[in-house]
């Protein structure tokens, strides 16, 4: 399963690689990382064969935020699952994410065991 993680903080990459070490080694999951919403959209538009199944996107990022990214993804790539991840348990963001079609809404700190179960249940 190919998963794209969209977050402007580079340390998120090593965190995901560490937390999904077994799944990566077993070939159960592959990650692609994008440091901005714009980079994520560019990748999706230019790598249709990449077969990304799930997007994990932060909400608060410079430039285009994760909610805007979500709205565009659901318009252009409606079959993609999108989980929004945020450090802020903001009710407005939650409502907006659900209205835009988010498949899940996860608050930081991320419970990686729960996230693994949610991701693996998509297969």
PDB file of N, CA and C in Angstrom:
ATOM      1  N   UNK A   1       0.851  -1.180   0.000  1.00  0.00           N
ATOM      2  CA  UNK A   1       0.000   0.000   0.000  1.00  0.00           C
ATOM      3  C   UNK A   1       0.893   1.238   0.000  1.00  0.00           C
ATOM      4  N   UNK A   2       0.567   2.167  -0.895  1.00  0.00           N
ATOM      5  CA  UNK A   2       1.345   3.403  -0.973  1.00  0.00           C
ATOM      6  C   UNK A   2       0.606   4.525  -0.257  1.00  0.00           C
ATOM      7  N   UNK A   3       1.324   5.164   0.669  1.00  0.00           N
ATOM      8  CA  UNK A   3       0.765   6.230   1.491  1.00  0.00           C
ATOM      9  C   UNK A   3       1.609   7.486   1.315  1.00  0.00           C
ATOM     10  N   UNK A   4       0.942   8.611   1.083  1.00  0.00           N
ATOM     11  CA  UNK A   4       1.655   9.882   1.012  1.00  0.00           C
ATOM     12  C   UNK A   4       1.431  10.648   2.309  1.00  0.00           C
ATOM     13  N   UNK A   5       2.518  11.111   2.909  1.00  0.00           N
ATOM     14  CA  UNK A   5       2.454  11.929   4.110  1.00  0.00           C
ATOM     15  C   UNK A   5       2.787  13.358   3.702  1.00  0.00           C
ATOM     16  N   UNK A   6       1.867  14.282   3.979  1.00  0.00           N
ATOM     17  CA  UNK A   6       2.055  15.683   3.620  1.00  0.00           C
ATOM     18  C   UNK A   6       2.210  16.491   4.902  1.00  0.00           C
ATOM     19  N   UNK A   7       3.423  16.980   5.128  1.00  0.00           N
ATOM     20  CA  UNK A   7       3.706  17.754   6.336  1.00  0.00           C
ATOM     21  C   UNK A   7       4.924  18.613   6.065  1.00  0.00           C
ATOM     22  N   UNK A   8       4.866  19.873   6.464  1.00  0.00           N
ATOM     23  CA  UNK A   8       5.976  20.787   6.204  1.00  0.00           C
ATOM     24  C   UNK A   8       7.165  20.559   7.137  1.00  0.00           C
ATOM     25  N   UNK A   9       7.009  19.739   8.152  1.00  0.00           N
ATOM     26  CA  UNK A   9       8.112  19.470   9.074  1.00  0.00           C
ATOM     27  C   UNK A   9       8.839  18.203   8.650  1.00  0.00           C
ATOM     28  N   UNK A  10      10.110  18.339   8.275  1.00  0.00           N
ATOM     29  CA  UNK A  10      10.884  17.223   7.743  1.00  0.00           C
ATOM     30  C   UNK A  10      11.066  16.077   8.730  1.00  0.00           C
ATOM     31  N   UNK A  11      11.103  16.375  10.038  1.00  0.00           N
ATOM     32  CA  UNK A  11      11.316  15.308  11.032  1.00  0.00           C
ATOM     33  C   UNK A  11      10.172  14.302  11.066  1.00  0.00           C
ATOM     34  N   UNK A  12       9.038  14.653  10.491  1.00  0.00           N
ATOM     35  CA  UNK A  12       7.904  13.730  10.420  1.00  0.00           C
ATOM     36  C   UNK A  12       8.283  12.496   9.587  1.00  0.00           C
ATOM     37  N   UNK A  13       9.140  12.683   8.590  1.00  0.00           N
ATOM     38  CA  UNK A  13       9.553  11.568   7.730  1.00  0.00           C
ATOM     39  C   UNK A  13      10.255  10.479   8.530  1.00  0.00           C
ATOM     40  N   UNK A  14      11.240  10.878   9.347  1.00  0.00           N
ATOM     41  CA  UNK A  14      11.964   9.880  10.131  1.00  0.00           C
ATOM     42  C   UNK A  14      11.060   9.249  11.184  1.00  0.00           C
ATOM     43  N   UNK A  15      10.125  10.025  11.715  1.00  0.00           N
ATOM     44  CA  UNK A  15       9.184   9.491  12.697  1.00  0.00           C
ATOM     45  C   UNK A  15       8.329   8.385  12.077  1.00  0.00           C
ATOM     46  N   UNK A  16       7.771   8.632  10.894  1.00  0.00           N
ATOM     47  CA  UNK A  16       6.949   7.613  10.239  1.00  0.00           C
ATOM     48  C   UNK A  16       7.778   6.392   9.852  1.00  0.00           C
ATOM     49  N   UNK A  17       8.983   6.616   9.357  1.00  0.00           N
ATOM     50  CA  UNK A  17       9.848   5.491   8.979  1.00  0.00           C
ATOM     51  C   UNK A  17      10.191   4.636  10.203  1.00  0.00           C
ATOM     52  N   UNK A  18      10.389   5.294  11.334  1.00  0.00           N
ATOM     53  CA  UNK A  18      10.703   4.573  12.572  1.00  0.00           C
ATOM     54  C   UNK A  18       9.479   3.806  13.070  1.00  0.00           C
ATOM     55  N   UNK A  19       8.325   4.460  13.120  1.00  0.00           N
ATOM     56  CA  UNK A  19       7.117   3.846  13.670  1.00  0.00           C
ATOM     57  C   UNK A  19       6.548   2.735  12.789  1.00  0.00           C
ATOM     58  N   UNK A  20       6.857   2.773  11.489  1.00  0.00           N
ATOM     59  CA  UNK A  20       6.362   1.754  10.560  1.00  0.00           C
ATOM     60  C   UNK A  20       7.504   0.869  10.041  1.00  0.00           C
ATOM     61  N   UNK A  21       8.566   0.778  10.840  1.00  0.00           N
ATOM     62  CA  UNK A  21       9.769   0.030  10.452  1.00  0.00           C
ATOM     63  C   UNK A  21       9.449  -1.400  10.007  1.00  0.00           C
ATOM     64  N   UNK A  22       8.664  -2.120  10.802  1.00  0.00           N
ATOM     65  CA  UNK A  22       8.338  -3.522  10.477  1.00  0.00           C
ATOM     66  C   UNK A  22       7.519  -3.620   9.196  1.00  0.00           C
ATOM     67  N   UNK A  23       6.541  -2.750   9.061  1.00  0.00           N
ATOM     68  CA  UNK A  23       5.664  -2.776   7.891  1.00  0.00           C
ATOM     69  C   UNK A  23       6.429  -2.400   6.619  1.00  0.00           C
ATOM     70  N   UNK A  24       7.367  -1.453   6.741  1.00  0.00           N
ATOM     71  CA  UNK A  24       8.194  -1.062   5.607  1.00  0.00           C
ATOM     72  C   UNK A  24       9.098  -2.221   5.187  1.00  0.00           C
ATOM     73  N   UNK A  25       9.722  -2.848   6.174  1.00  0.00           N
ATOM     74  CA  UNK A  25      10.638  -3.957   5.907  1.00  0.00           C
ATOM     75  C   UNK A  25       9.905  -5.131   5.265  1.00  0.00           C
ATOM     76  N   UNK A  26       8.672  -5.369   5.696  1.00  0.00           N
ATOM     77  CA  UNK A  26       7.872  -6.482   5.165  1.00  0.00           C
ATOM     78  C   UNK A  26       7.234  -6.136   3.813  1.00  0.00           C
ATOM     79  N   UNK A  27       7.403  -4.886   3.372  1.00  0.00           N
ATOM     80  CA  UNK A  27       6.823  -4.482   2.096  1.00  0.00           C
ATOM     81  C   UNK A  27       5.318  -4.266   2.145  1.00  0.00           C
ATOM     82  N   UNK A  28       4.759  -4.127   3.338  1.00  0.00           N
ATOM     83  CA  UNK A  28       3.313  -3.923   3.486  1.00  0.00           C
ATOM     84  C   UNK A  28       2.906  -2.493   3.175  1.00  0.00           C
ATOM     85  N   UNK A  29       3.859  -1.575   3.311  1.00  0.00           N
ATOM     86  CA  UNK A  29       3.539  -0.167   3.142  1.00  0.00           C
ATOM     87  C   UNK A  29       4.734   0.538   2.520  1.00  0.00           C
ATOM     88  N   UNK A  30       4.447   1.531   1.690  1.00  0.00           N
ATOM     89  CA  UNK A  30       5.482   2.395   1.133  1.00  0.00           C
ATOM     90  C   UNK A  30       5.039   3.819   1.401  1.00  0.00           C
ATOM     91  N   UNK A  31       5.984   4.652   1.785  1.00  0.00           N
ATOM     92  CA  UNK A  31       5.666   6.055   2.033  1.00  0.00           C
ATOM     93  C   UNK A  31       6.265   6.944   0.952  1.00  0.00           C
ATOM     94  N   UNK A  32       5.524   7.949   0.594  1.00  0.00           N
ATOM     95  CA  UNK A  32       6.042   9.054  -0.212  1.00  0.00           C
ATOM     96  C   UNK A  32       5.788  10.291   0.645  1.00  0.00           C
ATOM     97  N   UNK A  33       6.789  11.158   0.753  1.00  0.00           N
ATOM     98  CA  UNK A  33       6.654  12.341   1.598  1.00  0.00           C
ATOM     99  C   UNK A  33       6.629  13.606   0.747  1.00  0.00           C
ATOM    100  N   UNK A  34       5.720  14.511   1.086  1.00  0.00           N
ATOM    101  CA  UNK A  34       5.637  15.810   0.431  1.00  0.00           C
ATOM    102  C   UNK A  34       5.711  16.867   1.533  1.00  0.00           C
ATOM    103  N   UNK A  35       6.531  17.894   1.317  1.00  0.00           N
ATOM    104  CA  UNK A  35       6.727  18.928   2.335  1.00  0.00           C
ATOM    105  C   UNK A  35       5.736  20.075   2.224  1.00  0.00           C
ATOM    106  N   UNK A  36       4.839  20.003   1.231  1.00  0.00           N
ATOM    107  CA  UNK A  36       3.815  21.038   1.098  1.00  0.00           C
ATOM    108  C   UNK A  36       2.612  20.458   0.360  1.00  0.00           C
ATOM    109  N   UNK A  37       1.485  21.124   0.499  1.00  0.00           N
ATOM    110  CA  UNK A  37       0.278  20.721  -0.217  1.00  0.00           C
ATOM    111  C   UNK A  37       0.504  20.841  -1.719  1.00  0.00           C
ATOM    112  N   UNK A  38       1.206  21.886  -2.120  1.00  0.00           N
ATOM    113  CA  UNK A  38       1.480  22.087  -3.545  1.00  0.00           C
ATOM    114  C   UNK A  38       2.323  20.947  -4.104  1.00  0.00           C
ATOM    115  N   UNK A  39       3.334  20.514  -3.356  1.00  0.00           N
ATOM    116  CA  UNK A  39       4.186  19.399  -3.799  1.00  0.00           C
ATOM    117  C   UNK A  39       3.374  18.106  -3.886  1.00  0.00           C
ATOM    118  N   UNK A  40       2.461  17.912  -2.945  1.00  0.00           N
ATOM    119  CA  UNK A  40       1.609  16.721  -2.960  1.00  0.00           C
ATOM    120  C   UNK A  40       0.734  16.703  -4.213  1.00  0.00           C
ATOM    121  N   UNK A  41       0.103  17.828  -4.521  1.00  0.00           N
ATOM    122  CA  UNK A  41      -0.752  17.906  -5.713  1.00  0.00           C
ATOM    123  C   UNK A  41       0.063  17.702  -6.984  1.00  0.00           C
ATOM    124  N   UNK A  42       1.227  18.306  -7.039  1.00  0.00           N
ATOM    125  CA  UNK A  42       2.099  18.148  -8.196  1.00  0.00           C
ATOM    126  C   UNK A  42       2.434  16.675  -8.402  1.00  0.00           C
ATOM    127  N   UNK A  43       2.775  15.989  -7.322  1.00  0.00           N
ATOM    128  CA  UNK A  43       3.109  14.563  -7.411  1.00  0.00           C
ATOM    129  C   UNK A  43       1.905  13.757  -7.901  1.00  0.00           C
ATOM    130  N   UNK A  44       0.737  13.995  -7.321  1.00  0.00           N
ATOM    131  CA  UNK A  44      -0.457  13.254  -7.709  1.00  0.00           C
ATOM    132  C   UNK A  44      -0.815  13.486  -9.178  1.00  0.00           C
ATOM    133  N   UNK A  45      -0.673  14.725  -9.632  1.00  0.00           N
ATOM    134  CA  UNK A  45      -1.030  15.050 -11.010  1.00  0.00           C
ATOM    135  C   UNK A  45      -0.032  14.480 -12.013  1.00  0.00           C
ATOM    136  N   UNK A  46       1.216  14.322 -11.615  1.00  0.00           N
ATOM    137  CA  UNK A  46       2.253  13.873 -12.545  1.00  0.00           C
ATOM    138  C   UNK A  46       2.678  12.424 -12.379  1.00  0.00           C
ATOM    139  N   UNK A  47       2.114  11.724 -11.405  1.00  0.00           N
ATOM    140  CA  UNK A  47       2.469  10.322 -11.162  1.00  0.00           C
ATOM    141  C   UNK A  47       1.204   9.488 -10.978  1.00  0.00           C
ATOM    142  N   UNK A  48       0.329   9.551 -11.938  1.00  0.00           N
ATOM    143  CA  UNK A  48      -0.947   8.826 -11.814  1.00  0.00           C
ATOM    144  C   UNK A  48      -0.716   7.336 -11.590  1.00  0.00           C
ATOM    145  N   UNK A  49       0.375   6.818 -12.147  1.00  0.00           N
ATOM    146  CA  UNK A  49       0.674   5.394 -12.002  1.00  0.00           C
ATOM    147  C   UNK A  49       1.212   5.054 -10.614  1.00  0.00           C
ATOM    148  N   UNK A  50       1.430   6.052  -9.781  1.00  0.00           N
ATOM    149  CA  UNK A  50       2.032   5.812  -8.461  1.00  0.00           C
ATOM    150  C   UNK A  50       1.100   5.036  -7.537  1.00  0.00           C
ATOM    151  N   UNK A  51      -0.175   5.012  -7.854  1.00  0.00           N
ATOM    152  CA  UNK A  51      -1.188   4.270  -7.094  1.00  0.00           C
ATOM    153  C   UNK A  51      -1.170   4.534  -5.589  1.00  0.00           C
ATOM    154  N   UNK A  52      -1.085   5.803  -5.235  1.00  0.00           N
ATOM    155  CA  UNK A  52      -1.217   6.203  -3.831  1.00  0.00           C
ATOM    156  C   UNK A  52      -2.650   5.845  -3.406  1.00  0.00           C
ATOM    157  N   UNK A  53      -2.781   5.242  -2.247  1.00  0.00           N
ATOM    158  CA  UNK A  53      -4.087   4.821  -1.750  1.00  0.00           C
ATOM    159  C   UNK A  53      -4.606   5.776  -0.674  1.00  0.00           C
ATOM    160  N   UNK A  54      -3.671   6.317   0.105  1.00  0.00           N
ATOM    161  CA  UNK A  54      -4.036   7.119   1.273  1.00  0.00           C
ATOM    162  C   UNK A  54      -3.124   8.335   1.385  1.00  0.00           C
ATOM    163  N   UNK A  55      -3.731   9.461   1.727  1.00  0.00           N
ATOM    164  CA  UNK A  55      -2.990  10.685   2.026  1.00  0.00           C
ATOM    165  C   UNK A  55      -3.149  10.964   3.518  1.00  0.00           C
ATOM    166  N   UNK A  56      -2.036  11.178   4.205  1.00  0.00           N
ATOM    167  CA  UNK A  56      -2.056  11.637   5.597  1.00  0.00           C
ATOM    168  C   UNK A  56      -1.558  13.073   5.555  1.00  0.00           C
ATOM    169  N   UNK A  57      -2.432  14.020   5.816  1.00  0.00           N
ATOM    170  CA  UNK A  57      -2.039  15.419   5.668  1.00  0.00           C
ATOM    171  C   UNK A  57      -2.202  16.220   6.946  1.00  0.00           C
ATOM    172  N   UNK A  58      -1.157  16.985   7.238  1.00  0.00           N
ATOM    173  CA  UNK A  58      -1.222  17.973   8.302  1.00  0.00           C
ATOM    174  C   UNK A  58      -2.181  19.070   7.836  1.00  0.00           C
ATOM    175  N   UNK A  59      -2.781  19.782   8.754  1.00  0.00           N
ATOM    176  CA  UNK A  59      -3.675  20.876   8.375  1.00  0.00           C
ATOM    177  C   UNK A  59      -2.903  22.179   8.262  1.00  0.00           C
ATOM    178  N   UNK A  60      -2.134  22.516   9.283  1.00  0.00           N
ATOM    179  CA  UNK A  60      -1.446  23.812   9.309  1.00  0.00           C
ATOM    180  C   UNK A  60      -0.086  23.724   8.629  1.00  0.00           C
ATOM    181  N   UNK A  61      -0.027  24.308   7.414  1.00  0.00           N
ATOM    182  CA  UNK A  61       1.217  24.363   6.651  1.00  0.00           C
ATOM    183  C   UNK A  61       1.285  25.718   5.970  1.00  0.00           C
ATOM    184  N   UNK A  62       2.498  26.204   5.717  1.00  0.00           N
ATOM    185  CA  UNK A  62       2.605  27.459   4.968  1.00  0.00           C
ATOM    186  C   UNK A  62       2.090  27.266   3.539  1.00  0.00           C
ATOM    187  N   UNK A  63       1.664  28.352   2.918  1.00  0.00           N
ATOM    188  CA  UNK A  63       1.095  28.234   1.577  1.00  0.00           C
ATOM    189  C   UNK A  63      -0.295  27.634   1.680  1.00  0.00           C
ATOM    190  N   UNK A  64      -0.574  26.683   0.818  1.00  0.00           N
ATOM    191  CA  UNK A  64      -1.875  26.012   0.853  1.00  0.00           C
ATOM    192  C   UNK A  64      -1.966  25.132   2.096  1.00  0.00           C
ATOM    193  N   UNK A  65      -3.052  25.267   2.870  1.00  0.00           N
ATOM    194  CA  UNK A  65      -3.182  24.426   4.066  1.00  0.00           C
ATOM    195  C   UNK A  65      -3.778  23.061   3.710  1.00  0.00           C
ATOM    196  N   UNK A  66      -3.776  22.176   4.686  1.00  0.00           N
ATOM    197  CA  UNK A  66      -4.249  20.817   4.465  1.00  0.00           C
ATOM    198  C   UNK A  66      -5.723  20.716   4.131  1.00  0.00           C
ATOM    199  N   UNK A  67      -6.533  21.630   4.641  1.00  0.00           N
ATOM    200  CA  UNK A  67      -7.965  21.593   4.339  1.00  0.00           C
ATOM    201  C   UNK A  67      -8.227  21.929   2.869  1.00  0.00           C
ATOM    202  N   UNK A  68      -7.500  22.897   2.355  1.00  0.00           N
ATOM    203  CA  UNK A  68      -7.624  23.240   0.941  1.00  0.00           C
ATOM    204  C   UNK A  68      -7.134  22.073   0.072  1.00  0.00           C
ATOM    205  N   UNK A  69      -6.036  21.461   0.495  1.00  0.00           N
ATOM    206  CA  UNK A  69      -5.522  20.276  -0.202  1.00  0.00           C
ATOM    207  C   UNK A  69      -6.586  19.180  -0.231  1.00  0.00           C
ATOM    208  N   UNK A  70      -7.206  18.936   0.909  1.00  0.00           N
ATOM    209  CA  UNK A  70      -8.268  17.928   1.016  1.00  0.00           C
ATOM    210  C   UNK A  70      -9.382  18.209   0.014  1.00  0.00           C
ATOM    211  N   UNK A  71      -9.832  19.451  -0.042  1.00  0.00           N
ATOM    212  CA  UNK A  71     -10.926  19.826  -0.940  1.00  0.00           C
ATOM    213  C   UNK A  71     -10.554  19.532  -2.400  1.00  0.00           C
ATOM    214  N   UNK A  72      -9.339  19.889  -2.776  1.00  0.00           N
ATOM    215  CA  UNK A  72      -8.883  19.668  -4.152  1.00  0.00           C
ATOM    216  C   UNK A  72      -8.730  18.181  -4.451  1.00  0.00           C
ATOM    217  N   UNK A  73      -8.158  17.431  -3.524  1.00  0.00           N
ATOM    218  CA  UNK A  73      -7.982  15.991  -3.733  1.00  0.00           C
ATOM    219  C   UNK A  73      -9.332  15.311  -3.924  1.00  0.00           C
ATOM    220  N   UNK A  74     -10.305  15.660  -3.096  1.00  0.00           N
ATOM    221  CA  UNK A  74     -11.616  15.016  -3.200  1.00  0.00           C
ATOM    222  C   UNK A  74     -12.326  15.388  -4.510  1.00  0.00           C
ATOM    223  N   UNK A  75     -11.984  16.552  -5.071  1.00  0.00           N
ATOM    224  CA  UNK A  75     -12.538  16.937  -6.378  1.00  0.00           C
ATOM    225  C   UNK A  75     -11.845  16.207  -7.517  1.00  0.00           C
ATOM    226  N   UNK A  76     -10.511  16.156  -7.474  1.00  0.00           N
ATOM    227  CA  UNK A  76      -9.731  15.626  -8.597  1.00  0.00           C
ATOM    228  C   UNK A  76      -9.435  14.131  -8.513  1.00  0.00           C
ATOM    229  N   UNK A  77      -9.309  13.624  -7.300  1.00  0.00           N
ATOM    230  CA  UNK A  77      -8.917  12.222  -7.079  1.00  0.00           C
ATOM    231  C   UNK A  77      -9.867  11.608  -6.051  1.00  0.00           C
ATOM    232  N   UNK A  78     -11.127  11.540  -6.405  1.00  0.00           N
ATOM    233  CA  UNK A  78     -12.168  11.185  -5.430  1.00  0.00           C
ATOM    234  C   UNK A  78     -12.007   9.799  -4.809  1.00  0.00           C
ATOM    235  N   UNK A  79     -11.244   8.915  -5.445  1.00  0.00           N
ATOM    236  CA  UNK A  79     -11.053   7.568  -4.897  1.00  0.00           C
ATOM    237  C   UNK A  79      -9.998   7.514  -3.799  1.00  0.00           C
ATOM    238  N   UNK A  80      -9.216   8.581  -3.647  1.00  0.00           N
ATOM    239  CA  UNK A  80      -8.184   8.595  -2.606  1.00  0.00           C
ATOM    240  C   UNK A  80      -8.787   8.778  -1.220  1.00  0.00           C
ATOM    241  N   UNK A  81      -8.267   8.033  -0.277  1.00  0.00           N
ATOM    242  CA  UNK A  81      -8.635   8.228   1.129  1.00  0.00           C
ATOM    243  C   UNK A  81      -7.728   9.316   1.693  1.00  0.00           C
ATOM    244  N   UNK A  82      -8.288  10.169   2.539  1.00  0.00           N
ATOM    245  CA  UNK A  82      -7.497  11.250   3.139  1.00  0.00           C
ATOM    246  C   UNK A  82      -7.770  11.300   4.638  1.00  0.00           C
ATOM    247  N   UNK A  83      -6.705  11.157   5.424  1.00  0.00           N
ATOM    248  CA  UNK A  83      -6.774  11.321   6.875  1.00  0.00           C
ATOM    249  C   UNK A  83      -6.114  12.664   7.186  1.00  0.00           C
ATOM    250  N   UNK A  84      -6.809  13.515   7.897  1.00  0.00           N
ATOM    251  CA  UNK A  84      -6.246  14.796   8.309  1.00  0.00           C
ATOM    252  C   UNK A  84      -5.610  14.622   9.687  1.00  0.00           C
ATOM    253  N   UNK A  85      -4.443  15.241   9.863  1.00  0.00           N
ATOM    254  CA  UNK A  85      -3.725  15.159  11.134  1.00  0.00           C
ATOM    255  C   UNK A  85      -3.456  16.582  11.608  1.00  0.00           C
ATOM    256  N   UNK A  86      -3.777  16.855  12.867  1.00  0.00           N
ATOM    257  CA  UNK A  86      -3.579  18.208  13.372  1.00  0.00           C
ATOM    258  C   UNK A  86      -3.159  18.207  14.836  1.00  0.00           C
ATOM    259  N   UNK A  87      -2.401  19.217  15.175  1.00  0.00           N
ATOM    260  CA  UNK A  87      -1.999  19.402  16.577  1.00  0.00           C
ATOM    261  C   UNK A  87      -3.082  20.142  17.348  1.00  0.00           C
ATOM    262  N   UNK A  88      -4.051  20.654  16.629  1.00  0.00           N
ATOM    263  CA  UNK A  88      -5.086  21.464  17.261  1.00  0.00           C
ATOM    264  C   UNK A  88      -6.424  20.750  17.169  1.00  0.00           C
ATOM    265  N   UNK A  89      -7.046  20.477  18.302  1.00  0.00           N
ATOM    266  CA  UNK A  89      -8.350  19.823  18.325  1.00  0.00           C
ATOM    267  C   UNK A  89      -9.459  20.822  18.062  1.00  0.00           C
ATOM    268  N   UNK A  90      -9.274  21.632  17.046  1.00  0.00           N
ATOM    269  CA  UNK A  90     -10.159  22.732  16.693  1.00  0.00           C
ATOM    270  C   UNK A  90     -11.455  22.212  16.070  1.00  0.00           C
ATOM    271  N   UNK A  91     -12.580  22.536  16.667  1.00  0.00           N
ATOM    272  CA  UNK A  91     -13.878  22.068  16.188  1.00  0.00           C
ATOM    273  C   UNK A  91     -14.194  22.572  14.781  1.00  0.00           C
ATOM    274  N   UNK A  92     -13.803  23.814  14.470  1.00  0.00           N
ATOM    275  CA  UNK A  92     -14.042  24.348  13.127  1.00  0.00           C
ATOM    276  C   UNK A  92     -13.282  23.560  12.070  1.00  0.00           C
ATOM    277  N   UNK A  93     -11.999  23.260  12.359  1.00  0.00           N
ATOM    278  CA  UNK A  93     -11.214  22.458  11.412  1.00  0.00           C
ATOM    279  C   UNK A  93     -11.825  21.078  11.238  1.00  0.00           C
ATOM    280  N   UNK A  94     -12.280  20.489  12.347  1.00  0.00           N
ATOM    281  CA  UNK A  94     -12.878  19.160  12.282  1.00  0.00           C
ATOM    282  C   UNK A  94     -14.124  19.190  11.397  1.00  0.00           C
ATOM    283  N   UNK A  95     -14.997  20.162  11.621  1.00  0.00           N
ATOM    284  CA  UNK A  95     -16.222  20.284  10.813  1.00  0.00           C
ATOM    285  C   UNK A  95     -15.884  20.513   9.344  1.00  0.00           C
ATOM    286  N   UNK A  96     -14.934  21.389   9.085  1.00  0.00           N
ATOM    287  CA  UNK A  96     -14.540  21.676   7.703  1.00  0.00           C
ATOM    288  C   UNK A  96     -13.967  20.433   7.036  1.00  0.00           C
ATOM    289  N   UNK A  97     -13.084  19.720   7.750  1.00  0.00           N
ATOM    290  CA  UNK A  97     -12.479  18.505   7.202  1.00  0.00           C
ATOM    291  C   UNK A  97     -13.554  17.479   6.845  1.00  0.00           C
ATOM    292  N   UNK A  98     -14.514  17.299   7.717  1.00  0.00           N
ATOM    293  CA  UNK A  98     -15.580  16.330   7.448  1.00  0.00           C
ATOM    294  C   UNK A  98     -16.457  16.794   6.281  1.00  0.00           C
ATOM    295  N   UNK A  99     -16.735  18.090   6.224  1.00  0.00           N
ATOM    296  CA  UNK A  99     -17.545  18.636   5.127  1.00  0.00           C
ATOM    297  C   UNK A  99     -16.828  18.467   3.786  1.00  0.00           C
ATOM    298  N   UNK A 100     -15.505  18.556   3.802  1.00  0.00           N
ATOM    299  CA  UNK A 100     -14.720  18.407   2.568  1.00  0.00           C
ATOM    300  C   UNK A 100     -14.484  16.944   2.207  1.00  0.00           C
ATOM    301  N   UNK A 101     -14.910  16.027   3.068  1.00  0.00           N
ATOM    302  CA  UNK A 101     -14.804  14.607   2.739  1.00  0.00           C
ATOM    303  C   UNK A 101     -13.662  13.846   3.361  1.00  0.00           C
ATOM    304  N   UNK A 102     -13.077  14.363   4.444  1.00  0.00           N
ATOM    305  CA  UNK A 102     -11.993  13.630   5.113  1.00  0.00           C
ATOM    306  C   UNK A 102     -12.495  12.257   5.545  1.00  0.00           C
ATOM    307  N   UNK A 103     -11.623  11.261   5.387  1.00  0.00           N
ATOM    308  CA  UNK A 103     -11.985   9.902   5.789  1.00  0.00           C
ATOM    309  C   UNK A 103     -11.676   9.646   7.260  1.00  0.00           C
ATOM    310  N   UNK A 104     -10.850  10.499   7.848  1.00  0.00           N
ATOM    311  CA  UNK A 104     -10.573  10.415   9.280  1.00  0.00           C
ATOM    312  C   UNK A 104      -9.920  11.725   9.707  1.00  0.00           C
ATOM    313  N   UNK A 105      -9.962  11.975  11.016  1.00  0.00           N
ATOM    314  CA  UNK A 105      -9.415  13.199  11.592  1.00  0.00           C
ATOM    315  C   UNK A 105      -8.652  12.785  12.841  1.00  0.00           C
ATOM    316  N   UNK A 106      -7.352  12.982  12.811  1.00  0.00           N
ATOM    317  CA  UNK A 106      -6.485  12.477  13.877  1.00  0.00           C
ATOM    318  C   UNK A 106      -5.768  13.654  14.535  1.00  0.00           C
ATOM    319  N   UNK A 107      -5.772  13.678  15.861  1.00  0.00           N
ATOM    320  CA  UNK A 107      -5.068  14.751  16.559  1.00  0.00           C
ATOM    321  C   UNK A 107      -3.706  14.256  17.046  1.00  0.00           C
ATOM    322  N   UNK A 108      -2.744  15.179  17.070  1.00  0.00           N
ATOM    323  CA  UNK A 108      -1.401  14.890  17.577  1.00  0.00           C
ATOM    324  C   UNK A 108      -1.422  14.992  19.086  1.00  0.00           C
ATOM    325  N   UNK A 109      -0.595  14.274  19.815  1.00  0.00           N
ATOM    326  CA  UNK A 109       0.358  13.318  19.283  1.00  0.00           C
ATOM    327  C   UNK A 109      -0.367  12.103  18.691  1.00  0.00           C
ATOM    328  N   UNK A 110       0.124  11.642  17.556  1.00  0.00           N
ATOM    329  CA  UNK A 110      -0.504  10.536  16.842  1.00  0.00           C
ATOM    330  C   UNK A 110      -0.324   9.239  17.616  1.00  0.00           C
ATOM    331  N   UNK A 111      -1.419   8.519  17.791  1.00  0.00           N
ATOM    332  CA  UNK A 111      -1.364   7.169  18.357  1.00  0.00           C
ATOM    333  C   UNK A 111      -1.040   6.245  17.181  1.00  0.00           C
ATOM    334  N   UNK A 112       0.234   5.859  17.049  1.00  0.00           N
ATOM    335  CA  UNK A 112       0.668   5.119  15.872  1.00  0.00           C
ATOM    336  C   UNK A 112       0.090   3.707  15.793  1.00  0.00           C
ATOM    337  N   UNK A 113      -0.185   3.083  16.919  1.00  0.00           N
ATOM    338  CA  UNK A 113      -0.804   1.753  16.858  1.00  0.00           C
ATOM    339  C   UNK A 113      -2.209   1.847  16.261  1.00  0.00           C
ATOM    340  N   UNK A 114      -2.963   2.843  16.710  1.00  0.00           N
ATOM    341  CA  UNK A 114      -4.301   3.070  16.171  1.00  0.00           C
ATOM    342  C   UNK A 114      -4.219   3.436  14.689  1.00  0.00           C
ATOM    343  N   UNK A 115      -3.268   4.293  14.321  1.00  0.00           N
ATOM    344  CA  UNK A 115      -3.101   4.683  12.931  1.00  0.00           C
ATOM    345  C   UNK A 115      -2.747   3.477  12.061  1.00  0.00           C
ATOM    346  N   UNK A 116      -1.837   2.626  12.543  1.00  0.00           N
ATOM    347  CA  UNK A 116      -1.475   1.403  11.799  1.00  0.00           C
ATOM    348  C   UNK A 116      -2.710   0.546  11.543  1.00  0.00           C
ATOM    349  N   UNK A 117      -3.522   0.365  12.578  1.00  0.00           N
ATOM    350  CA  UNK A 117      -4.737  -0.446  12.422  1.00  0.00           C
ATOM    351  C   UNK A 117      -5.680   0.156  11.388  1.00  0.00           C
ATOM    352  N   UNK A 118      -5.833   1.467  11.414  1.00  0.00           N
ATOM    353  CA  UNK A 118      -6.718   2.147  10.443  1.00  0.00           C
ATOM    354  C   UNK A 118      -6.169   1.985   9.033  1.00  0.00           C
ATOM    355  N   UNK A 119      -4.851   2.147   8.871  1.00  0.00           N
ATOM    356  CA  UNK A 119      -4.254   2.033   7.538  1.00  0.00           C
ATOM    357  C   UNK A 119      -4.361   0.613   7.026  1.00  0.00           C
ATOM    358  N   UNK A 120      -4.027  -0.358   7.858  1.00  0.00           N
ATOM    359  CA  UNK A 120      -4.035  -1.751   7.413  1.00  0.00           C
ATOM    360  C   UNK A 120      -5.458  -2.244   7.120  1.00  0.00           C
ATOM    361  N   UNK A 121      -6.450  -1.623   7.745  1.00  0.00           N
ATOM    362  CA  UNK A 121      -7.834  -2.039   7.480  1.00  0.00           C
ATOM    363  C   UNK A 121      -8.319  -1.537   6.115  1.00  0.00           C
ATOM    364  N   UNK A 122      -7.558  -0.627   5.487  1.00  0.00           N
ATOM    365  CA  UNK A 122      -7.942  -0.126   4.170  1.00  0.00           C
ATOM    366  C   UNK A 122      -7.585  -1.118   3.064  1.00  0.00           C
ATOM    367  N   UNK A 123      -6.673  -2.027   3.343  1.00  0.00           N
ATOM    368  CA  UNK A 123      -6.216  -2.968   2.305  1.00  0.00           C
ATOM    369  C   UNK A 123      -7.325  -3.869   1.832  1.00  0.00           C
TER     370      UNK A 123
END
